[in-house]
Amino acid sequence: FVDLAEDNIQSSEIKKNIVSRIVEAISGCF
């Protein structure tokens, strides 16, 4: 809902292992 440049939106995401991040990225795209 906001019109901000990417640098002005920072997600403080939880650290996850690389496998979890890949799986979640693929699942998120689907």
PDB file of all heavy atoms in Angstrom:
ATOM      1  N   PHE A   1       0.805  -1.224   0.000  1.00  0.00           N
ATOM      2  CA  PHE A   1       0.000   0.000   0.000  1.00  0.00           C
ATOM      3  C   PHE A   1       0.838   1.274   0.000  1.00  0.00           C
ATOM      4  O   PHE A   1       0.287   2.370   0.073  1.00  0.00           O
ATOM      5  CB  PHE A   1      -0.923   0.007   1.228  1.00  0.00           C
ATOM      6  CG  PHE A   1      -1.900  -1.130   1.262  1.00  0.00           C
ATOM      7  CD1 PHE A   1      -1.688  -2.222   2.098  1.00  0.00           C
ATOM      8  CD2 PHE A   1      -3.027  -1.123   0.453  1.00  0.00           C
ATOM      9  CE1 PHE A   1      -2.587  -3.270   2.126  1.00  0.00           C
ATOM     10  CE2 PHE A   1      -3.926  -2.178   0.478  1.00  0.00           C
ATOM     11  CZ  PHE A   1      -3.703  -3.253   1.314  1.00  0.00           C
ATOM     12  N   VAL A   2       2.150   1.150  -0.056  1.00  0.00           N
ATOM     13  CA  VAL A   2       3.000   2.340  -0.009  1.00  0.00           C
ATOM     14  C   VAL A   2       3.780   2.484  -1.313  1.00  0.00           C
ATOM     15  O   VAL A   2       4.019   1.508  -2.014  1.00  0.00           O
ATOM     16  CB  VAL A   2       3.984   2.288   1.183  1.00  0.00           C
ATOM     17  CG1 VAL A   2       3.227   2.310   2.493  1.00  0.00           C
ATOM     18  CG2 VAL A   2       4.893   1.072   1.097  1.00  0.00           C
ATOM     19  N   ASP A   3       4.130   3.713  -1.614  1.00  0.00           N
ATOM     20  CA  ASP A   3       4.929   4.009  -2.804  1.00  0.00           C
ATOM     21  C   ASP A   3       6.289   4.508  -2.358  1.00  0.00           C
ATOM     22  O   ASP A   3       6.580   5.709  -2.374  1.00  0.00           O
ATOM     23  CB  ASP A   3       4.232   5.068  -3.673  1.00  0.00           C
ATOM     24  CG  ASP A   3       2.881   4.602  -4.185  1.00  0.00           C
ATOM     25  OD1 ASP A   3       2.783   3.432  -4.588  1.00  0.00           O
ATOM     26  OD2 ASP A   3       1.926   5.401  -4.170  1.00  0.00           O
ATOM     27  N   LEU A   4       7.135   3.575  -1.947  1.00  0.00           N
ATOM     28  CA  LEU A   4       8.456   3.923  -1.449  1.00  0.00           C
ATOM     29  C   LEU A   4       9.527   3.228  -2.276  1.00  0.00           C
ATOM     30  O   LEU A   4       9.295   2.125  -2.798  1.00  0.00           O
ATOM     31  CB  LEU A   4       8.613   3.514   0.017  1.00  0.00           C
ATOM     32  CG  LEU A   4       7.752   4.249   1.060  1.00  0.00           C
ATOM     33  CD1 LEU A   4       7.967   3.636   2.434  1.00  0.00           C
ATOM     34  CD2 LEU A   4       8.098   5.728   1.089  1.00  0.00           C
ATOM     35  N   ALA A   5      10.666   3.862  -2.388  1.00  0.00           N
ATOM     36  CA  ALA A   5      11.811   3.204  -3.023  1.00  0.00           C
ATOM     37  C   ALA A   5      12.220   2.005  -2.184  1.00  0.00           C
ATOM     38  O   ALA A   5      11.976   1.957  -0.976  1.00  0.00           O
ATOM     39  CB  ALA A   5      12.973   4.184  -3.149  1.00  0.00           C
ATOM     40  N   GLU A   6      12.838   1.017  -2.835  1.00  0.00           N
ATOM     41  CA  GLU A   6      13.204  -0.219  -2.138  1.00  0.00           C
ATOM     42  C   GLU A   6      14.106   0.052  -0.935  1.00  0.00           C
ATOM     43  O   GLU A   6      14.005  -0.610   0.095  1.00  0.00           O
ATOM     44  CB  GLU A   6      13.907  -1.171  -3.117  1.00  0.00           C
ATOM     45  CG  GLU A   6      14.190  -2.537  -2.541  1.00  0.00           C
ATOM     46  CD  GLU A   6      14.798  -3.465  -3.561  1.00  0.00           C
ATOM     47  OE1 GLU A   6      14.763  -3.150  -4.764  1.00  0.00           O
ATOM     48  OE2 GLU A   6      15.330  -4.518  -3.156  1.00  0.00           O
ATOM     49  N   ASP A   7      14.971   1.065  -1.040  1.00  0.00           N
ATOM     50  CA  ASP A   7      15.879   1.386   0.063  1.00  0.00           C
ATOM     51  C   ASP A   7      15.139   1.884   1.301  1.00  0.00           C
ATOM     52  O   ASP A   7      15.681   1.868   2.408  1.00  0.00           O
ATOM     53  CB  ASP A   7      16.894   2.458  -0.369  1.00  0.00           C
ATOM     54  CG  ASP A   7      17.915   1.903  -1.360  1.00  0.00           C
ATOM     55  OD1 ASP A   7      18.016   0.664  -1.461  1.00  0.00           O
ATOM     56  OD2 ASP A   7      18.594   2.704  -2.020  1.00  0.00           O
ATOM     57  N   ASN A   8      13.908   2.351   1.107  1.00  0.00           N
ATOM     58  CA  ASN A   8      13.122   2.885   2.217  1.00  0.00           C
ATOM     59  C   ASN A   8      12.145   1.869   2.794  1.00  0.00           C
ATOM     60  O   ASN A   8      11.285   2.216   3.595  1.00  0.00           O
ATOM     61  CB  ASN A   8      12.364   4.137   1.778  1.00  0.00           C
ATOM     62  CG  ASN A   8      13.298   5.294   1.492  1.00  0.00           C
ATOM     63  OD1 ASN A   8      14.378   5.371   2.066  1.00  0.00           O
ATOM     64  ND2 ASN A   8      12.919   6.183   0.589  1.00  0.00           N
ATOM     65  N   ILE A   9      12.251   0.615   2.335  1.00  0.00           N
ATOM     66  CA  ILE A   9      11.456  -0.473   2.904  1.00  0.00           C
ATOM     67  C   ILE A   9      12.439  -1.563   3.298  1.00  0.00           C
ATOM     68  O   ILE A   9      13.039  -2.205   2.437  1.00  0.00           O
ATOM     69  CB  ILE A   9      10.435  -1.043   1.900  1.00  0.00           C
ATOM     70  CG1 ILE A   9       9.499   0.060   1.400  1.00  0.00           C
ATOM     71  CG2 ILE A   9       9.628  -2.158   2.537  1.00  0.00           C
ATOM     72  CD1 ILE A   9       8.502  -0.423   0.360  1.00  0.00           C
ATOM     73  N   GLN A  10      12.623  -1.750   4.582  1.00  0.00           N
ATOM     74  CA  GLN A  10      13.600  -2.734   5.047  1.00  0.00           C
ATOM     75  C   GLN A  10      12.901  -3.776   5.896  1.00  0.00           C
ATOM     76  O   GLN A  10      12.309  -3.453   6.920  1.00  0.00           O
ATOM     77  CB  GLN A  10      14.707  -2.056   5.852  1.00  0.00           C
ATOM     78  CG  GLN A  10      15.572  -1.148   5.003  1.00  0.00           C
ATOM     79  CD  GLN A  10      16.699  -0.523   5.787  1.00  0.00           C
ATOM     80  OE1 GLN A  10      16.918  -0.850   6.942  1.00  0.00           O
ATOM     81  NE2 GLN A  10      17.429   0.384   5.156  1.00  0.00           N
ATOM     82  N   SER A  11      12.961  -5.007   5.436  1.00  0.00           N
ATOM     83  CA  SER A  11      12.349  -6.108   6.186  1.00  0.00           C
ATOM     84  C   SER A  11      13.388  -6.743   7.087  1.00  0.00           C
ATOM     85  O   SER A  11      14.386  -7.273   6.620  1.00  0.00           O
ATOM     86  CB  SER A  11      11.796  -7.156   5.216  1.00  0.00           C
ATOM     87  OG  SER A  11      11.280  -8.257   5.906  1.00  0.00           O
ATOM     88  N   SER A  12      13.142  -6.666   8.387  1.00  0.00           N
ATOM     89  CA  SER A  12      14.052  -7.307   9.347  1.00  0.00           C
ATOM     90  C   SER A  12      13.674  -8.771   9.481  1.00  0.00           C
ATOM     91  O   SER A  12      13.005  -9.192  10.414  1.00  0.00           O
ATOM     92  CB  SER A  12      13.947  -6.621  10.708  1.00  0.00           C
ATOM     93  OG  SER A  12      14.320  -5.284  10.612  1.00  0.00           O
ATOM     94  N   GLU A  13      14.064  -9.540   8.495  1.00  0.00           N
ATOM     95  CA  GLU A  13      13.614 -10.923   8.424  1.00  0.00           C
ATOM     96  C   GLU A  13      14.421 -11.824   9.345  1.00  0.00           C
ATOM     97  O   GLU A  13      15.558 -11.549   9.698  1.00  0.00           O
ATOM     98  CB  GLU A  13      13.710 -11.437   6.984  1.00  0.00           C
ATOM     99  CG  GLU A  13      12.768 -10.674   6.038  1.00  0.00           C
ATOM    100  CD  GLU A  13      12.898 -11.170   4.626  1.00  0.00           C
ATOM    101  OE1 GLU A  13      13.835 -11.964   4.364  1.00  0.00           O
ATOM    102  OE2 GLU A  13      12.085 -10.787   3.787  1.00  0.00           O
ATOM    103  N   ILE A  14      13.794 -12.931   9.704  1.00  0.00           N
ATOM    104  CA  ILE A  14      14.432 -13.941  10.535  1.00  0.00           C
ATOM    105  C   ILE A  14      15.510 -14.645   9.719  1.00  0.00           C
ATOM    106  O   ILE A  14      15.324 -14.955   8.547  1.00  0.00           O
ATOM    107  CB  ILE A  14      13.374 -14.956  11.003  1.00  0.00           C
ATOM    108  CG1 ILE A  14      12.345 -14.253  11.891  1.00  0.00           C
ATOM    109  CG2 ILE A  14      14.002 -16.119  11.723  1.00  0.00           C
ATOM    110  CD1 ILE A  14      11.108 -15.091  12.134  1.00  0.00           C
ATOM    111  N   LYS A  15      16.634 -14.904  10.332  1.00  0.00           N
ATOM    112  CA  LYS A  15      17.696 -15.647   9.652  1.00  0.00           C
ATOM    113  C   LYS A  15      17.286 -17.090   9.454  1.00  0.00           C
ATOM    114  O   LYS A  15      16.802 -17.734  10.374  1.00  0.00           O
ATOM    115  CB  LYS A  15      18.986 -15.593  10.467  1.00  0.00           C
ATOM    116  CG  LYS A  15      19.753 -14.287  10.323  1.00  0.00           C
ATOM    117  CD  LYS A  15      21.120 -14.438  10.942  1.00  0.00           C
ATOM    118  CE  LYS A  15      21.982 -13.222  10.643  1.00  0.00           C
ATOM    119  NZ  LYS A  15      23.326 -13.356  11.193  1.00  0.00           N
ATOM    120  N   LYS A  16      17.499 -17.598   8.246  1.00  0.00           N
ATOM    121  CA  LYS A  16      17.153 -18.983   7.953  1.00  0.00           C
ATOM    122  C   LYS A  16      18.291 -19.610   7.176  1.00  0.00           C
ATOM    123  O   LYS A  16      19.057 -18.917   6.509  1.00  0.00           O
ATOM    124  CB  LYS A  16      15.851 -19.035   7.128  1.00  0.00           C
ATOM    125  CG  LYS A  16      14.663 -18.474   7.906  1.00  0.00           C
ATOM    126  CD  LYS A  16      13.433 -18.432   7.042  1.00  0.00           C
ATOM    127  CE  LYS A  16      12.262 -17.833   7.816  1.00  0.00           C
ATOM    128  NZ  LYS A  16      11.084 -17.649   6.984  1.00  0.00           N
ATOM    129  N   ASN A  17      18.369 -20.941   7.252  1.00  0.00           N
ATOM    130  CA  ASN A  17      19.430 -21.596   6.509  1.00  0.00           C
ATOM    131  C   ASN A  17      19.157 -21.512   5.022  1.00  0.00           C
ATOM    132  O   ASN A  17      18.031 -21.251   4.584  1.00  0.00           O
ATOM    133  CB  ASN A  17      19.600 -23.055   6.981  1.00  0.00           C
ATOM    134  CG  ASN A  17      18.356 -23.883   6.739  1.00  0.00           C
ATOM    135  OD1 ASN A  17      17.899 -24.010   5.602  1.00  0.00           O
ATOM    136  ND2 ASN A  17      17.795 -24.443   7.792  1.00  0.00           N
ATOM    137  N   ILE A  18      20.171 -21.754   4.228  1.00  0.00           N
ATOM    138  CA  ILE A  18      20.088 -21.529   2.788  1.00  0.00           C
ATOM    139  C   ILE A  18      19.037 -22.413   2.135  1.00  0.00           C
ATOM    140  O   ILE A  18      18.317 -21.992   1.228  1.00  0.00           O
ATOM    141  CB  ILE A  18      21.482 -21.740   2.130  1.00  0.00           C
ATOM    142  CG1 ILE A  18      21.447 -21.358   0.651  1.00  0.00           C
ATOM    143  CG2 ILE A  18      21.955 -23.168   2.314  1.00  0.00           C
ATOM    144  CD1 ILE A  18      21.182 -19.892   0.403  1.00  0.00           C
ATOM    145  N   VAL A  19      18.898 -23.668   2.605  1.00  0.00           N
ATOM    146  CA  VAL A  19      17.908 -24.570   2.020  1.00  0.00           C
ATOM    147  C   VAL A  19      16.503 -24.029   2.262  1.00  0.00           C
ATOM    148  O   VAL A  19      15.663 -23.994   1.349  1.00  0.00           O
ATOM    149  CB  VAL A  19      18.048 -25.992   2.606  1.00  0.00           C
ATOM    150  CG1 VAL A  19      16.929 -26.895   2.090  1.00  0.00           C
ATOM    151  CG2 VAL A  19      19.407 -26.576   2.235  1.00  0.00           C
ATOM    152  N   SER A  20      16.227 -23.590   3.502  1.00  0.00           N
ATOM    153  CA  SER A  20      14.910 -23.042   3.823  1.00  0.00           C
ATOM    154  C   SER A  20      14.608 -21.814   2.972  1.00  0.00           C
ATOM    155  O   SER A  20      13.491 -21.633   2.491  1.00  0.00           O
ATOM    156  CB  SER A  20      14.830 -22.678   5.307  1.00  0.00           C
ATOM    157  OG  SER A  20      14.919 -23.825   6.113  1.00  0.00           O
ATOM    158  N   ARG A  21      15.623 -20.978   2.769  1.00  0.00           N
ATOM    159  CA  ARG A  21      15.404 -19.767   1.987  1.00  0.00           C
ATOM    160  C   ARG A  21      15.111 -20.087   0.526  1.00  0.00           C
ATOM    161  O   ARG A  21      14.257 -19.455  -0.103  1.00  0.00           O
ATOM    162  CB  ARG A  21      16.628 -18.856   2.102  1.00  0.00           C
ATOM    163  CG  ARG A  21      16.826 -18.311   3.508  1.00  0.00           C
ATOM    164  CD  ARG A  21      18.089 -17.493   3.652  1.00  0.00           C
ATOM    165  NE  ARG A  21      17.996 -16.241   2.927  1.00  0.00           N
ATOM    166  CZ  ARG A  21      18.956 -15.323   2.923  1.00  0.00           C
ATOM    167  NH1 ARG A  21      20.069 -15.539   3.608  1.00  0.00           N
ATOM    168  NH2 ARG A  21      18.815 -14.208   2.257  1.00  0.00           N
ATOM    169  N   ILE A  22      15.801 -21.089  -0.035  1.00  0.00           N
ATOM    170  CA  ILE A  22      15.553 -21.479  -1.423  1.00  0.00           C
ATOM    171  C   ILE A  22      14.153 -22.059  -1.560  1.00  0.00           C
ATOM    172  O   ILE A  22      13.390 -21.695  -2.473  1.00  0.00           O
ATOM    173  CB  ILE A  22      16.605 -22.496  -1.901  1.00  0.00           C
ATOM    174  CG1 ILE A  22      17.977 -21.825  -2.021  1.00  0.00           C
ATOM    175  CG2 ILE A  22      16.197 -23.108  -3.244  1.00  0.00           C
ATOM    176  CD1 ILE A  22      19.113 -22.785  -2.310  1.00  0.00           C
ATOM    177  N   VAL A  23      13.801 -22.965  -0.641  1.00  0.00           N
ATOM    178  CA  VAL A  23      12.482 -23.605  -0.691  1.00  0.00           C
ATOM    179  C   VAL A  23      11.376 -22.562  -0.563  1.00  0.00           C
ATOM    180  O   VAL A  23      10.384 -22.581  -1.292  1.00  0.00           O
ATOM    181  CB  VAL A  23      12.350 -24.671   0.417  1.00  0.00           C
ATOM    182  CG1 VAL A  23      10.903 -25.122   0.567  1.00  0.00           C
ATOM    183  CG2 VAL A  23      13.236 -25.873   0.101  1.00  0.00           C
ATOM    184  N   GLU A  24      11.547 -21.631   0.375  1.00  0.00           N
ATOM    185  CA  GLU A  24      10.518 -20.623   0.592  1.00  0.00           C
ATOM    186  C   GLU A  24      10.427 -19.654  -0.581  1.00  0.00           C
ATOM    187  O   GLU A  24       9.340 -19.173  -0.908  1.00  0.00           O
ATOM    188  CB  GLU A  24      10.781 -19.877   1.896  1.00  0.00           C
ATOM    189  CG  GLU A  24      10.523 -20.747   3.121  1.00  0.00           C
ATOM    190  CD  GLU A  24      10.679 -19.987   4.423  1.00  0.00           C
ATOM    191  OE1 GLU A  24      10.687 -18.737   4.383  1.00  0.00           O
ATOM    192  OE2 GLU A  24      10.772 -20.642   5.469  1.00  0.00           O
ATOM    193  N   ALA A  25      11.564 -19.382  -1.229  1.00  0.00           N
ATOM    194  CA  ALA A  25      11.534 -18.512  -2.405  1.00  0.00           C
ATOM    195  C   ALA A  25      10.757 -19.171  -3.537  1.00  0.00           C
ATOM    196  O   ALA A  25       9.908 -18.542  -4.182  1.00  0.00           O
ATOM    197  CB  ALA A  25      12.958 -18.187  -2.859  1.00  0.00           C
ATOM    198  N   ILE A  26      11.032 -20.462  -3.780  1.00  0.00           N
ATOM    199  CA  ILE A  26      10.325 -21.176  -4.841  1.00  0.00           C
ATOM    200  C   ILE A  26       8.842 -21.280  -4.507  1.00  0.00           C
ATOM    201  O   ILE A  26       7.971 -21.013  -5.346  1.00  0.00           O
ATOM    202  CB  ILE A  26      10.936 -22.578  -5.049  1.00  0.00           C
ATOM    203  CG1 ILE A  26      12.376 -22.458  -5.577  1.00  0.00           C
ATOM    204  CG2 ILE A  26      10.085 -23.396  -6.020  1.00  0.00           C
ATOM    205  CD1 ILE A  26      13.114 -23.779  -5.670  1.00  0.00           C
ATOM    206  N   SER A  27       8.522 -21.659  -3.253  1.00  0.00           N
ATOM    207  CA  SER A  27       7.128 -21.774  -2.847  1.00  0.00           C
ATOM    208  C   SER A  27       6.427 -20.422  -2.932  1.00  0.00           C
ATOM    209  O   SER A  27       5.263 -20.342  -3.337  1.00  0.00           O
ATOM    210  CB  SER A  27       7.040 -22.308  -1.414  1.00  0.00           C
ATOM    211  OG  SER A  27       7.584 -23.606  -1.329  1.00  0.00           O
ATOM    212  N   GLY A  28       7.142 -19.357  -2.545  1.00  0.00           N
ATOM    213  CA  GLY A  28       6.562 -18.024  -2.602  1.00  0.00           C
ATOM    214  C   GLY A  28       6.224 -17.597  -4.017  1.00  0.00           C
ATOM    215  O   GLY A  28       5.221 -16.928  -4.258  1.00  0.00           O
ATOM    216  N   CYS A  29       7.059 -17.973  -4.970  1.00  0.00           N
ATOM    217  CA  CYS A  29       6.790 -17.648  -6.369  1.00  0.00           C
ATOM    218  C   CYS A  29       5.605 -18.443  -6.906  1.00  0.00           C
ATOM    219  O   CYS A  29       4.896 -17.988  -7.811  1.00  0.00           O
ATOM    220  CB  CYS A  29       8.031 -17.913  -7.228  1.00  0.00           C
ATOM    221  SG  CYS A  29       9.418 -16.804  -6.877  1.00  0.00           S
ATOM    222  N   PHE A  30       5.392 -19.639  -6.366  1.00  0.00           N
ATOM    223  CA  PHE A  30       4.300 -20.476  -6.834  1.00  0.00           C
ATOM    224  C   PHE A  30       2.958 -20.114  -6.205  1.00  0.00           C
ATOM    225  O   PHE A  30       1.904 -20.359  -6.795  1.00  0.00           O
ATOM    226  CB  PHE A  30       4.590 -21.955  -6.547  1.00  0.00           C
ATOM    227  CG  PHE A  30       5.227 -22.662  -7.694  1.00  0.00           C
ATOM    228  CD1 PHE A  30       6.584 -22.617  -7.879  1.00  0.00           C
ATOM    229  CD2 PHE A  30       4.463 -23.357  -8.611  1.00  0.00           C
ATOM    230  CE1 PHE A  30       7.193 -23.257  -8.944  1.00  0.00           C
ATOM    231  CE2 PHE A  30       5.045 -23.995  -9.675  1.00  0.00           C
ATOM    232  CZ  PHE A  30       6.417 -23.951  -9.849  1.00  0.00           C
TER     233      PHE A  30
END
